[in-house]
Amino acid sequence: MRIKNILCLLLPLISFAQESVEANLIEETVAKVSYLDSLKASFVNHSTSTCIDSRWMEELSNQELFDTMYEDVSELNIEEAVAYEMSTEVLKKRLKKLDDKSPFNIEYNASLENVIKSFLKNRKPSFERLMAISEYYFPMFEEHLAKYDVPLEIKYLAIVESALNPKAKSRVGASGLWQFMYPTGKQFNLEVNSYVDERYDPLKATEAACQYLSSLYKIFGDWSLVLASYNAGPGNVSKAIRRSGGSQNYWNIRKNLPRETANYVPAFLATMYIYEYKKELGIKPKKAVLTYFETDTIKVRREMSFKQVSELFDIPQDQVEFLNPIYKLNIIPFNEDKPHFLRLPKDKIGLFVSNEEAVYAYIDYVKNGGEKAQDAIVEISTPEETNVVEYKETKTKSKLAYHSVRRGESLGLIAQKYDVSVTELKKWNNLRSSTIKAGNKLKIYSTKEDNSKSSRSTGTTTYIVRNGDSLYTIAKKYPGVSTDDLKKWNDISGDNIHPGMKLKING
């Protein structure tokens, strides 16, 4: 009986001890974080979400829209009648209204009607998507066009040129939203070198396009001829005018222009018509998630990689690439004579500004041989007290691996898979440029293996959220897992998580 009584007294103590051990284990798990994690946990006003939605970003950089528009402008036979139900009389009245309020010479002819019918018959869903992307870029375009006293309708030119794809590149090498050739870009101060191609920068290219269009108007004094010369060059338009007996009317000289230019102005006018009468035409535009003005830039004071930016600010690297298409090697160079800028969503720029010194301290730390990937471990006294830290570095061995390049892969994508930089890949493989071909084998020295071929083990893992974690950074730790998966598995509606929270990882 006495022994039984003693056991009754001890059992609660044993249970309490077990709970204490479990609590300590959880606390210890939370407490051990990398130098990078501890730095991010100390950021002022640290936001864990508000990146660009991944599906919206894919739409903004959609190559298919550019390919179809390029094909229409270069290949479409606009003299061939198109079978599509549309009232010619209604079209004439609408074109007359556009002509009355526009500086362009908009007059009805059968060729223009054919282009409009072709677009409505074959490209209606494309225009619904383009109208969403337009919401992203058009406010910025309009600001610059107004600054140079260029008609606001010129914004539709970027649709014909690039389908609003900032990375668009034509077969002849014209690049960016406004499709600048290399010599023309240089003429209007768009820098192109080993690190940078400013033809891909939406803001700088738009500024250059406005300057170029203004200079062409001073030559021709007619906006339709300006459009033609933007595509074919002023020399070809001048020749077409001479061959047409001196006529200054685009429709009279059109037969003497190159075929692509002959289609170019009708494609522009057809695009303007579809945008201006979208409601009457039954087109339901998709909506933009954000606009270009909801992003901002900061001047960098150190060379930094897109990978470092991604890790520091919890933004997917492909989004950093999209917002900064100017940088060819996924590296933002530092040059005291010419500043370079990083563009991010405004909340991430705010985070950068609030923690600028800490960000550069981390960049210097990595540059000076400090933490590579997650080599450094930081012991934190409690999850809340992130000020008291003790750094304990662990050494990991790099393994030599060989990666077979797959179709569609870039050096940036491969570097991200193995947690290395593009510069390192080029150095290890004696590459002078970033061009690689499917089937090439690349040497890679990394502690991380390519997970693209491996499947995840079955079962459920429990992950305990640490300071500085976001859904995005946690998803990155598990191949094949997305933030949407984490939300679904854990019944999370928003993006907010907190240290100590337990998340289920399925698979």
Protein backbone atom coordinates (compact mmCIF):
# COMPACT_ATOMS: atom_id res chain seq x y z
CA MET A 1 0.00 0.00 0.00
CA ARG A 2 2.85 2.37 0.92
CA ILE A 3 4.63 1.67 -2.38
CA LYS A 4 1.39 2.32 -4.26
CA ASN A 5 1.01 5.68 -2.52
CA ILE A 6 4.60 6.66 -3.41
CA LEU A 7 3.96 5.76 -7.06
CA CYS A 8 0.84 7.90 -7.05
CA LEU A 9 2.94 10.81 -5.84
CA LEU A 10 5.75 10.20 -8.37
CA LEU A 11 3.65 9.67 -11.52
CA PRO A 12 2.62 13.32 -11.89
CA LEU A 13 6.28 14.34 -11.44
CA ILE A 14 7.41 11.82 -14.08
CA SER A 15 4.70 13.08 -16.46
CA PHE A 16 5.73 16.68 -15.79
CA ALA A 17 9.39 15.77 -16.44
CA GLN A 18 8.49 14.16 -19.78
CA GLU A 19 6.50 17.23 -20.80
CA SER A 20 9.46 19.42 -19.79
CA VAL A 21 11.84 17.33 -21.93
CA GLU A 22 9.46 17.54 -24.90
CA ALA A 23 9.09 21.29 -24.40
CA ASN A 24 12.87 21.67 -24.23
CA LEU A 25 13.28 19.64 -27.41
CA ILE A 26 10.75 21.84 -29.20
CA GLU A 27 12.46 24.97 -27.84
CA GLU A 28 15.85 23.64 -28.89
CA THR A 29 14.53 22.90 -32.39
CA VAL A 30 13.18 26.42 -32.62
CA ALA A 31 16.36 27.91 -31.19
CA LYS A 32 18.81 26.45 -33.70
CA VAL A 33 18.64 28.62 -36.82
CA SER A 34 21.13 29.73 -39.43
CA TYR A 35 22.88 33.08 -39.44
CA LEU A 36 20.57 34.11 -42.29
CA ASP A 37 17.44 33.09 -40.34
CA SER A 38 18.59 34.94 -37.23
CA LEU A 39 19.32 38.04 -39.30
CA LYS A 40 15.88 37.97 -40.90
CA ALA A 41 14.25 37.42 -37.50
CA SER A 42 15.83 40.68 -36.34
CA PHE A 43 14.61 42.67 -39.37
CA VAL A 44 12.49 45.70 -38.57
CA ASN A 45 8.88 45.27 -39.83
CA HIS A 46 9.62 41.83 -41.22
CA SER A 47 6.84 40.87 -43.64
CA THR A 48 6.48 37.19 -44.51
CA SER A 49 4.37 37.37 -47.64
CA THR A 50 3.09 39.76 -50.33
CA CYS A 51 5.23 38.45 -53.17
CA ILE A 52 3.80 38.51 -56.66
CA ASP A 53 1.39 35.64 -57.18
CA SER A 54 3.26 32.93 -59.12
CA ARG A 55 0.48 32.39 -61.67
CA TRP A 56 0.24 36.15 -62.31
CA MET A 57 4.00 36.34 -62.76
CA GLU A 58 3.92 33.49 -65.30
CA GLU A 59 1.29 35.44 -67.25
CA LEU A 60 3.41 38.60 -67.20
CA SER A 61 6.31 36.72 -68.81
CA ASN A 62 4.22 34.58 -71.19
CA GLN A 63 6.19 33.74 -74.35
CA GLU A 64 3.20 32.29 -76.21
CA LEU A 65 1.48 35.69 -76.49
CA PHE A 66 4.61 37.21 -78.03
CA ASP A 67 5.05 34.32 -80.48
CA THR A 68 1.47 34.57 -81.79
CA MET A 69 1.61 38.37 -82.12
CA TYR A 70 4.98 38.17 -83.88
CA GLU A 71 3.57 35.56 -86.28
CA ASP A 72 0.52 37.71 -87.05
CA VAL A 73 2.54 40.82 -87.80
CA SER A 74 5.14 39.06 -89.93
CA GLU A 75 3.07 36.37 -91.68
CA LEU A 76 -0.61 37.39 -91.81
CA ASN A 77 -2.01 37.96 -95.31
CA ILE A 78 -4.21 40.96 -94.61
CA GLU A 79 -5.61 41.04 -98.14
CA GLU A 80 -7.30 37.68 -97.60
CA ALA A 81 -10.95 37.86 -96.46
CA VAL A 82 -11.69 36.39 -93.01
CA ALA A 83 -14.90 34.49 -92.26
CA TYR A 84 -16.17 36.23 -89.12
CA GLU A 85 -19.57 37.72 -88.39
CA MET A 86 -19.18 41.49 -88.06
CA SER A 87 -21.07 44.51 -89.39
CA THR A 88 -18.92 46.54 -91.78
CA GLU A 89 -21.17 49.59 -91.33
CA VAL A 90 -20.81 49.50 -87.54
CA LEU A 91 -17.04 49.14 -87.94
CA LYS A 92 -16.90 52.19 -90.22
CA LYS A 93 -18.80 54.32 -87.69
CA ARG A 94 -16.58 53.23 -84.81
CA LEU A 95 -13.37 53.84 -86.78
CA LYS A 96 -14.68 57.32 -87.68
CA LYS A 97 -15.18 58.06 -83.95
CA LEU A 98 -11.64 56.88 -83.20
CA ASP A 99 -10.28 59.02 -86.04
CA ASP A 100 -12.07 62.13 -84.72
CA LYS A 101 -10.41 61.91 -81.31
CA SER A 102 -7.01 60.51 -82.34
CA PRO A 103 -3.92 62.06 -83.99
CA PHE A 104 -3.61 58.89 -86.11
CA ASN A 105 -5.02 58.64 -89.62
CA ILE A 106 -7.68 55.98 -89.00
CA GLU A 107 -9.74 55.27 -92.07
CA TYR A 108 -11.73 52.20 -93.03
CA ASN A 109 -10.35 49.84 -95.62
CA ALA A 110 -10.85 46.13 -96.30
CA SER A 111 -7.30 45.25 -95.15
CA LEU A 112 -7.86 46.76 -91.69
CA GLU A 113 -11.23 44.98 -91.43
CA ASN A 114 -9.51 41.66 -92.22
CA VAL A 115 -6.95 42.18 -89.43
CA ILE A 116 -9.67 43.09 -86.90
CA LYS A 117 -11.71 40.02 -87.90
CA SER A 118 -8.64 37.77 -87.70
CA PHE A 119 -7.78 39.02 -84.21
CA LEU A 120 -11.35 38.59 -82.96
CA LYS A 121 -11.70 35.15 -84.53
CA ASN A 122 -8.34 33.71 -83.46
CA ARG A 123 -6.97 35.83 -80.63
CA LYS A 124 -9.92 36.83 -78.41
CA PRO A 125 -8.70 34.87 -75.33
CA SER A 126 -5.21 36.30 -75.89
CA PHE A 127 -6.58 39.85 -75.79
CA GLU A 128 -8.42 39.12 -72.54
CA ARG A 129 -5.08 38.08 -71.03
CA LEU A 130 -3.19 40.99 -72.61
CA MET A 131 -5.66 43.44 -71.10
CA ALA A 132 -4.73 42.23 -67.62
CA ILE A 133 -1.02 42.61 -68.37
CA SER A 134 -1.81 46.08 -69.79
CA GLU A 135 -3.09 47.13 -66.37
CA TYR A 136 0.37 46.33 -65.03
CA TYR A 137 2.32 48.41 -67.58
CA PHE A 138 -0.02 51.04 -69.08
CA PRO A 139 0.02 53.54 -66.16
CA MET A 140 3.81 53.69 -66.40
CA PHE A 141 3.69 53.98 -70.22
CA GLU A 142 1.15 56.80 -70.08
CA GLU A 143 3.22 58.81 -67.59
CA HIS A 144 6.24 58.75 -69.92
CA LEU A 145 4.26 59.31 -73.13
CA ALA A 146 2.63 62.40 -71.59
CA LYS A 147 6.05 63.67 -70.48
CA TYR A 148 7.27 63.66 -74.11
CA ASP A 149 3.94 64.83 -75.58
CA VAL A 150 3.55 61.55 -77.47
CA PRO A 151 -0.06 60.35 -78.08
CA LEU A 152 -1.20 58.04 -75.29
CA GLU A 153 -2.48 55.60 -77.93
CA ILE A 154 1.16 54.71 -78.60
CA LYS A 155 0.88 52.44 -75.53
CA TYR A 156 -0.78 49.91 -77.88
CA LEU A 157 2.46 49.79 -79.86
CA ALA A 158 4.13 47.75 -77.09
CA ILE A 159 1.43 45.09 -77.54
CA VAL A 160 2.20 44.74 -81.23
CA GLU A 161 5.94 44.87 -80.59
CA SER A 162 6.31 42.44 -77.69
CA ALA A 163 2.87 41.35 -76.42
CA LEU A 164 4.09 43.11 -73.24
CA ASN A 165 6.77 40.50 -72.55
CA PRO A 166 9.82 42.33 -71.09
CA LYS A 167 12.13 39.45 -72.14
CA ALA A 168 10.78 39.21 -75.71
CA LYS A 169 13.44 38.74 -78.38
CA SER A 170 12.70 38.62 -82.11
CA ARG A 171 14.43 36.44 -84.70
CA VAL A 172 16.56 39.42 -85.77
CA GLY A 173 17.63 40.32 -82.23
CA ALA A 174 15.23 43.14 -81.30
CA SER A 175 14.72 42.93 -77.53
CA GLY A 176 12.45 44.00 -74.69
CA LEU A 177 8.99 45.56 -74.40
CA TRP A 178 9.78 48.07 -77.14
CA GLN A 179 11.94 45.74 -79.27
CA PHE A 180 15.10 47.80 -79.60
CA MET A 181 17.86 46.60 -81.90
CA TYR A 182 21.34 46.90 -80.40
CA PRO A 183 22.47 50.03 -82.39
CA THR A 184 19.20 51.91 -81.77
CA GLY A 185 19.32 51.04 -78.08
CA LYS A 186 22.88 52.39 -77.83
CA GLN A 187 21.79 55.51 -79.70
CA PHE A 188 19.28 56.21 -76.92
CA ASN A 189 21.66 55.37 -74.06
CA LEU A 190 20.48 51.83 -73.31
CA GLU A 191 23.57 50.14 -71.90
CA VAL A 192 24.45 46.62 -73.07
CA ASN A 193 27.46 44.79 -71.62
CA SER A 194 28.40 41.42 -70.11
CA TYR A 195 26.27 42.01 -66.98
CA VAL A 196 23.51 44.35 -68.15
CA ASP A 197 21.10 44.77 -71.07
CA GLU A 198 18.94 47.83 -70.45
CA ARG A 199 16.74 47.07 -73.46
CA TYR A 200 14.98 44.63 -71.10
CA ASP A 201 14.37 47.28 -68.42
CA PRO A 202 10.70 48.39 -68.76
CA LEU A 203 11.30 51.87 -67.35
CA LYS A 204 14.50 52.73 -69.23
CA ALA A 205 13.28 51.17 -72.48
CA THR A 206 10.01 53.14 -72.26
CA GLU A 207 11.96 56.36 -71.76
CA ALA A 208 14.13 55.53 -74.78
CA ALA A 209 11.07 54.62 -76.90
CA CYS A 210 9.45 57.98 -76.12
CA GLN A 211 12.64 59.81 -77.15
CA TYR A 212 12.91 57.79 -80.36
CA LEU A 213 9.25 58.28 -81.30
CA SER A 214 9.54 62.04 -80.66
CA SER A 215 12.59 62.25 -82.92
CA LEU A 216 10.77 60.34 -85.70
CA TYR A 217 7.78 62.69 -85.48
CA LYS A 218 10.09 65.65 -86.05
CA ILE A 219 11.15 63.96 -89.31
CA PHE A 220 7.75 62.85 -90.68
CA GLY A 221 5.10 64.93 -88.88
CA ASP A 222 2.62 62.05 -89.12
CA TRP A 223 2.09 59.43 -86.42
CA SER A 224 1.18 56.61 -88.82
CA LEU A 225 4.47 57.18 -90.65
CA VAL A 226 6.23 57.33 -87.28
CA LEU A 227 4.90 53.84 -86.50
CA ALA A 228 6.04 52.54 -89.89
CA SER A 229 9.52 54.01 -89.44
CA TYR A 230 9.73 52.64 -85.87
CA ASN A 231 9.38 49.18 -87.39
CA ALA A 232 11.23 49.49 -90.71
CA GLY A 233 13.56 52.42 -90.03
CA PRO A 234 13.18 55.99 -91.33
CA GLY A 235 15.29 55.20 -94.42
CA ASN A 236 12.86 52.54 -95.68
CA VAL A 237 9.85 54.80 -95.10
CA SER A 238 11.55 57.66 -96.97
CA LYS A 239 12.20 55.30 -99.91
CA ALA A 240 8.56 54.16 -99.89
CA ILE A 241 7.41 57.81 -99.97
CA ARG A 242 9.63 58.52 -103.01
CA ARG A 243 8.45 55.37 -104.80
CA SER A 244 4.84 56.41 -104.17
CA GLY A 245 5.29 59.77 -105.87
CA GLY A 246 5.83 61.73 -102.68
CA SER A 247 2.59 60.70 -100.94
CA GLN A 248 2.62 61.22 -97.15
CA ASN A 249 -0.39 58.92 -96.55
CA TYR A 250 0.54 55.58 -94.99
CA TRP A 251 -2.12 53.67 -96.92
CA ASN A 252 -0.77 55.03 -100.22
CA ILE A 253 2.86 54.07 -99.50
CA ARG A 254 2.05 50.76 -97.81
CA LYS A 255 2.58 48.68 -100.97
CA ASN A 256 6.19 49.92 -101.12
CA LEU A 257 7.04 48.96 -97.53
CA PRO A 258 8.52 45.63 -96.34
CA ARG A 259 5.80 43.03 -95.72
CA GLU A 260 6.16 43.08 -91.94
CA THR A 261 5.79 46.88 -91.87
CA ALA A 262 2.85 46.68 -94.27
CA ASN A 263 1.08 44.55 -91.61
CA TYR A 264 2.43 46.53 -88.69
CA VAL A 265 0.27 49.66 -88.69
CA PRO A 266 -2.96 47.72 -89.42
CA ALA A 267 -2.08 45.42 -86.48
CA PHE A 268 -1.60 48.51 -84.28
CA LEU A 269 -4.92 50.06 -85.36
CA ALA A 270 -6.74 46.75 -84.95
CA THR A 271 -5.33 46.45 -81.42
CA MET A 272 -6.45 50.00 -80.61
CA TYR A 273 -9.94 49.27 -81.95
CA ILE A 274 -10.30 46.06 -79.90
CA TYR A 275 -9.14 47.79 -76.71
CA GLU A 276 -11.35 50.84 -77.19
CA TYR A 277 -14.46 48.77 -78.00
CA LYS A 278 -13.80 45.72 -75.84
CA LYS A 279 -17.15 45.92 -74.07
CA GLU A 280 -19.12 46.12 -77.32
CA LEU A 281 -17.07 43.22 -78.72
CA GLY A 282 -17.88 40.98 -75.74
CA ILE A 283 -14.32 40.82 -74.47
CA LYS A 284 -14.03 40.35 -70.71
CA PRO A 285 -10.56 41.47 -69.58
CA LYS A 286 -8.82 39.54 -66.85
CA LYS A 287 -7.73 41.68 -63.91
CA ALA A 288 -4.22 42.61 -62.87
CA VAL A 289 -3.07 41.59 -59.39
CA LEU A 290 -0.82 44.66 -59.11
CA THR A 291 0.67 47.38 -61.31
CA TYR A 292 4.22 48.37 -62.17
CA PHE A 293 3.82 51.34 -59.80
CA GLU A 294 3.38 48.89 -56.91
CA THR A 295 7.04 47.96 -57.33
CA ASP A 296 9.97 50.22 -56.55
CA THR A 297 13.76 50.34 -56.78
CA ILE A 298 16.69 50.80 -54.43
CA LYS A 299 20.28 51.62 -55.38
CA VAL A 300 22.60 48.78 -54.39
CA ARG A 301 25.88 49.45 -52.57
CA ARG A 302 27.35 45.97 -52.96
CA GLU A 303 27.38 43.38 -55.71
CA MET A 304 24.66 40.86 -54.86
CA SER A 305 23.08 37.84 -56.49
CA PHE A 306 19.40 37.17 -57.12
CA LYS A 307 19.81 34.10 -54.90
CA GLN A 308 20.90 36.27 -51.97
CA VAL A 309 18.01 38.68 -52.56
CA SER A 310 15.59 35.74 -52.67
CA GLU A 311 16.89 34.30 -49.39
CA LEU A 312 17.03 37.63 -47.55
CA PHE A 313 13.56 38.85 -48.47
CA ASP A 314 11.59 35.60 -48.87
CA ILE A 315 10.73 36.23 -52.51
CA PRO A 316 11.06 33.47 -55.15
CA GLN A 317 14.14 33.90 -57.30
CA ASP A 318 12.15 33.72 -60.54
CA GLN A 319 10.19 36.77 -59.34
CA VAL A 320 13.44 38.65 -58.69
CA GLU A 321 14.48 37.69 -62.24
CA PHE A 322 11.19 38.91 -63.71
CA LEU A 323 11.34 42.26 -61.93
CA ASN A 324 15.00 42.75 -62.89
CA PRO A 325 15.27 41.46 -66.48
CA ILE A 326 18.12 43.87 -67.17
CA TYR A 327 20.70 41.67 -65.35
CA LYS A 328 21.97 38.91 -67.66
CA LEU A 329 23.84 36.77 -65.09
CA ASN A 330 21.35 37.04 -62.19
CA ILE A 331 23.88 39.30 -60.47
CA ILE A 332 23.43 42.99 -59.69
CA PRO A 333 26.88 44.50 -60.22
CA PHE A 334 28.25 47.39 -58.17
CA ASN A 335 29.93 50.27 -59.96
CA GLU A 336 30.79 53.54 -58.22
CA ASP A 337 30.67 55.44 -61.53
CA LYS A 338 27.27 54.10 -62.62
CA PRO A 339 24.69 53.07 -60.00
CA HIS A 340 22.62 49.91 -60.43
CA PHE A 341 19.19 49.34 -58.97
CA LEU A 342 17.18 46.43 -57.60
CA ARG A 343 13.42 46.37 -58.26
CA LEU A 344 11.10 44.57 -55.82
CA PRO A 345 7.48 44.85 -54.63
CA LYS A 346 7.15 47.99 -52.51
CA ASP A 347 6.80 46.14 -49.20
CA LYS A 348 10.08 44.29 -49.87
CA ILE A 349 11.81 47.56 -50.78
CA GLY A 350 10.55 48.96 -47.47
CA LEU A 351 12.04 45.95 -45.69
CA PHE A 352 15.37 46.49 -47.50
CA VAL A 353 15.47 50.20 -46.58
CA SER A 354 14.64 49.52 -42.93
CA ASN A 355 17.41 46.92 -42.62
CA GLU A 356 19.95 48.11 -45.19
CA GLU A 357 23.03 47.94 -42.97
CA ALA A 358 22.18 44.40 -41.82
CA VAL A 359 21.65 43.32 -45.44
CA TYR A 360 25.08 44.60 -46.50
CA ALA A 361 26.70 43.08 -43.42
CA TYR A 362 25.35 39.69 -44.56
CA ILE A 363 26.53 40.26 -48.16
CA ASP A 364 30.02 41.10 -46.84
CA TYR A 365 29.94 38.07 -44.52
CA VAL A 366 29.22 35.72 -47.44
CA LYS A 367 31.76 37.44 -49.69
CA ASN A 368 34.48 37.08 -47.06
CA GLY A 369 34.07 33.32 -46.90
CA GLY A 370 31.35 33.11 -44.28
CA GLU A 371 28.11 31.21 -44.57
CA LYS A 372 27.49 29.30 -47.82
CA ALA A 373 23.96 27.96 -48.03
CA GLN A 374 23.15 26.88 -44.42
CA ASP A 375 26.65 26.20 -43.02
CA ALA A 376 26.41 28.45 -39.95
CA ILE A 377 24.34 27.53 -36.90
CA VAL A 378 23.22 30.16 -34.42
CA GLU A 379 22.30 29.34 -30.84
CA ILE A 380 19.55 31.64 -29.59
CA SER A 381 18.73 31.75 -25.89
CA THR A 382 14.97 31.82 -26.48
CA PRO A 383 12.79 32.10 -29.60
CA GLU A 384 11.86 35.66 -28.62
CA GLU A 385 15.31 36.93 -27.60
CA THR A 386 17.01 37.17 -30.96
CA ASN A 387 19.54 39.78 -29.87
CA VAL A 388 21.82 37.36 -27.97
CA VAL A 389 23.45 35.03 -30.47
CA GLU A 390 26.51 32.83 -30.57
CA TYR A 391 27.77 31.66 -33.96
CA LYS A 392 28.91 28.07 -34.39
CA GLU A 393 30.02 27.23 -37.89
CA THR A 394 29.89 23.69 -39.18
CA LYS A 395 31.91 22.51 -42.13
CA THR A 396 30.30 20.53 -44.91
CA LYS A 397 32.09 18.83 -47.77
CA SER A 398 31.26 19.75 -51.34
CA LYS A 399 30.70 16.84 -53.70
CA LEU A 400 31.43 16.84 -57.41
CA ALA A 401 28.29 16.15 -59.41
CA TYR A 402 27.50 16.22 -63.12
CA HIS A 403 24.27 17.75 -64.40
CA SER A 404 22.89 16.92 -67.85
CA VAL A 405 21.26 20.05 -69.23
CA ARG A 406 17.60 19.55 -70.12
CA ARG A 407 15.62 21.41 -72.75
CA GLY A 408 14.53 24.83 -71.49
CA GLU A 409 17.03 24.98 -68.61
CA SER A 410 19.21 28.03 -68.02
CA LEU A 411 22.33 28.50 -65.91
CA GLY A 412 20.24 30.48 -63.41
CA LEU A 413 17.74 27.65 -63.01
CA ILE A 414 20.48 25.01 -62.60
CA ALA A 415 22.36 27.21 -60.11
CA GLN A 416 19.20 27.53 -58.03
CA LYS A 417 18.73 23.72 -57.98
CA TYR A 418 22.17 23.14 -56.52
CA ASP A 419 22.40 26.23 -54.27
CA VAL A 420 25.36 27.66 -56.19
CA SER A 421 25.86 30.85 -58.20
CA VAL A 422 25.88 31.32 -61.97
CA THR A 423 29.40 32.71 -61.66
CA GLU A 424 30.56 29.48 -59.99
CA LEU A 425 28.94 27.35 -62.69
CA LYS A 426 30.71 29.33 -65.40
CA LYS A 427 34.04 29.12 -63.56
CA TRP A 428 33.83 25.33 -62.97
CA ASN A 429 32.92 24.69 -66.62
CA ASN A 430 35.11 27.32 -68.34
CA LEU A 431 32.05 29.04 -69.82
CA ARG A 432 32.56 32.48 -71.30
CA SER A 433 28.85 33.13 -71.81
CA SER A 434 25.58 31.97 -70.27
CA THR A 435 24.59 29.98 -73.36
CA ILE A 436 24.07 26.25 -72.76
CA LYS A 437 22.49 23.53 -74.87
CA ALA A 438 20.36 20.52 -74.00
CA GLY A 439 22.64 17.50 -73.52
CA ASN A 440 25.60 19.47 -72.21
CA LYS A 441 27.14 18.10 -68.99
CA LEU A 442 28.08 20.56 -66.28
CA LYS A 443 30.42 20.06 -63.33
CA ILE A 444 28.89 21.13 -60.04
CA TYR A 445 30.57 21.28 -56.64
CA SER A 446 27.73 21.39 -54.13
CA THR A 447 26.42 19.99 -50.88
CA LYS A 448 22.96 19.83 -52.43
CA GLU A 449 21.82 17.25 -54.98
CA ASP A 450 19.44 17.83 -57.89
CA ASN A 451 16.05 16.85 -56.51
CA SER A 452 14.22 17.19 -59.80
CA LYS A 453 14.40 13.44 -60.49
CA SER A 454 13.80 12.16 -56.97
CA SER A 455 10.39 11.57 -55.47
CA ARG A 456 9.60 12.41 -51.90
CA SER A 457 9.10 9.69 -49.35
CA THR A 458 5.58 8.82 -48.32
CA GLY A 459 4.14 9.69 -44.93
CA THR A 460 3.68 12.90 -42.96
CA THR A 461 6.43 15.06 -41.46
CA THR A 462 5.86 17.67 -38.76
CA TYR A 463 7.74 20.93 -39.16
CA ILE A 464 8.04 23.39 -36.27
CA VAL A 465 8.04 27.00 -37.47
CA ARG A 466 11.13 29.01 -36.49
CA ASN A 467 11.81 32.74 -36.23
CA GLY A 468 12.12 34.25 -39.71
CA ASP A 469 10.27 31.39 -41.44
CA SER A 470 7.67 32.05 -44.09
CA LEU A 471 5.51 29.59 -46.00
CA TYR A 472 7.74 30.16 -49.01
CA THR A 473 11.03 29.39 -47.22
CA ILE A 474 9.53 26.29 -45.61
CA ALA A 475 8.19 25.01 -48.95
CA LYS A 476 11.70 25.42 -50.40
CA LYS A 477 13.04 22.91 -47.88
CA TYR A 478 10.83 20.12 -49.29
CA PRO A 479 11.18 19.24 -53.02
CA GLY A 480 7.87 19.29 -54.83
CA VAL A 481 6.05 21.19 -52.07
CA SER A 482 4.43 24.57 -52.78
CA THR A 483 3.04 27.24 -50.46
CA ASP A 484 -0.44 26.28 -51.66
CA ASP A 485 0.24 22.68 -50.52
CA LEU A 486 1.23 23.91 -47.06
CA LYS A 487 -1.93 26.01 -46.80
CA LYS A 488 -4.15 23.11 -47.89
CA TRP A 489 -2.53 20.52 -45.60
CA ASN A 490 -2.69 22.82 -42.58
CA ASP A 491 -5.99 24.60 -43.25
CA ILE A 492 -4.30 28.01 -43.48
CA SER A 493 -6.27 30.71 -45.31
CA GLY A 494 -3.70 33.51 -45.32
CA ASP A 495 0.09 33.68 -45.18
CA ASN A 496 0.58 34.31 -41.46
CA ILE A 497 2.52 31.75 -39.40
CA HIS A 498 4.33 32.11 -36.07
CA PRO A 499 7.31 30.51 -34.28
CA GLY A 500 6.45 27.24 -32.55
CA MET A 501 3.55 26.49 -34.88
CA LYS A 502 3.48 22.88 -36.13
CA LEU A 503 2.92 22.28 -39.84
CA LYS A 504 2.09 18.96 -41.51
CA ILE A 505 4.20 18.12 -44.57
CA ASN A 506 2.58 15.34 -46.61
CA GLY A 507 4.25 13.06 -49.13
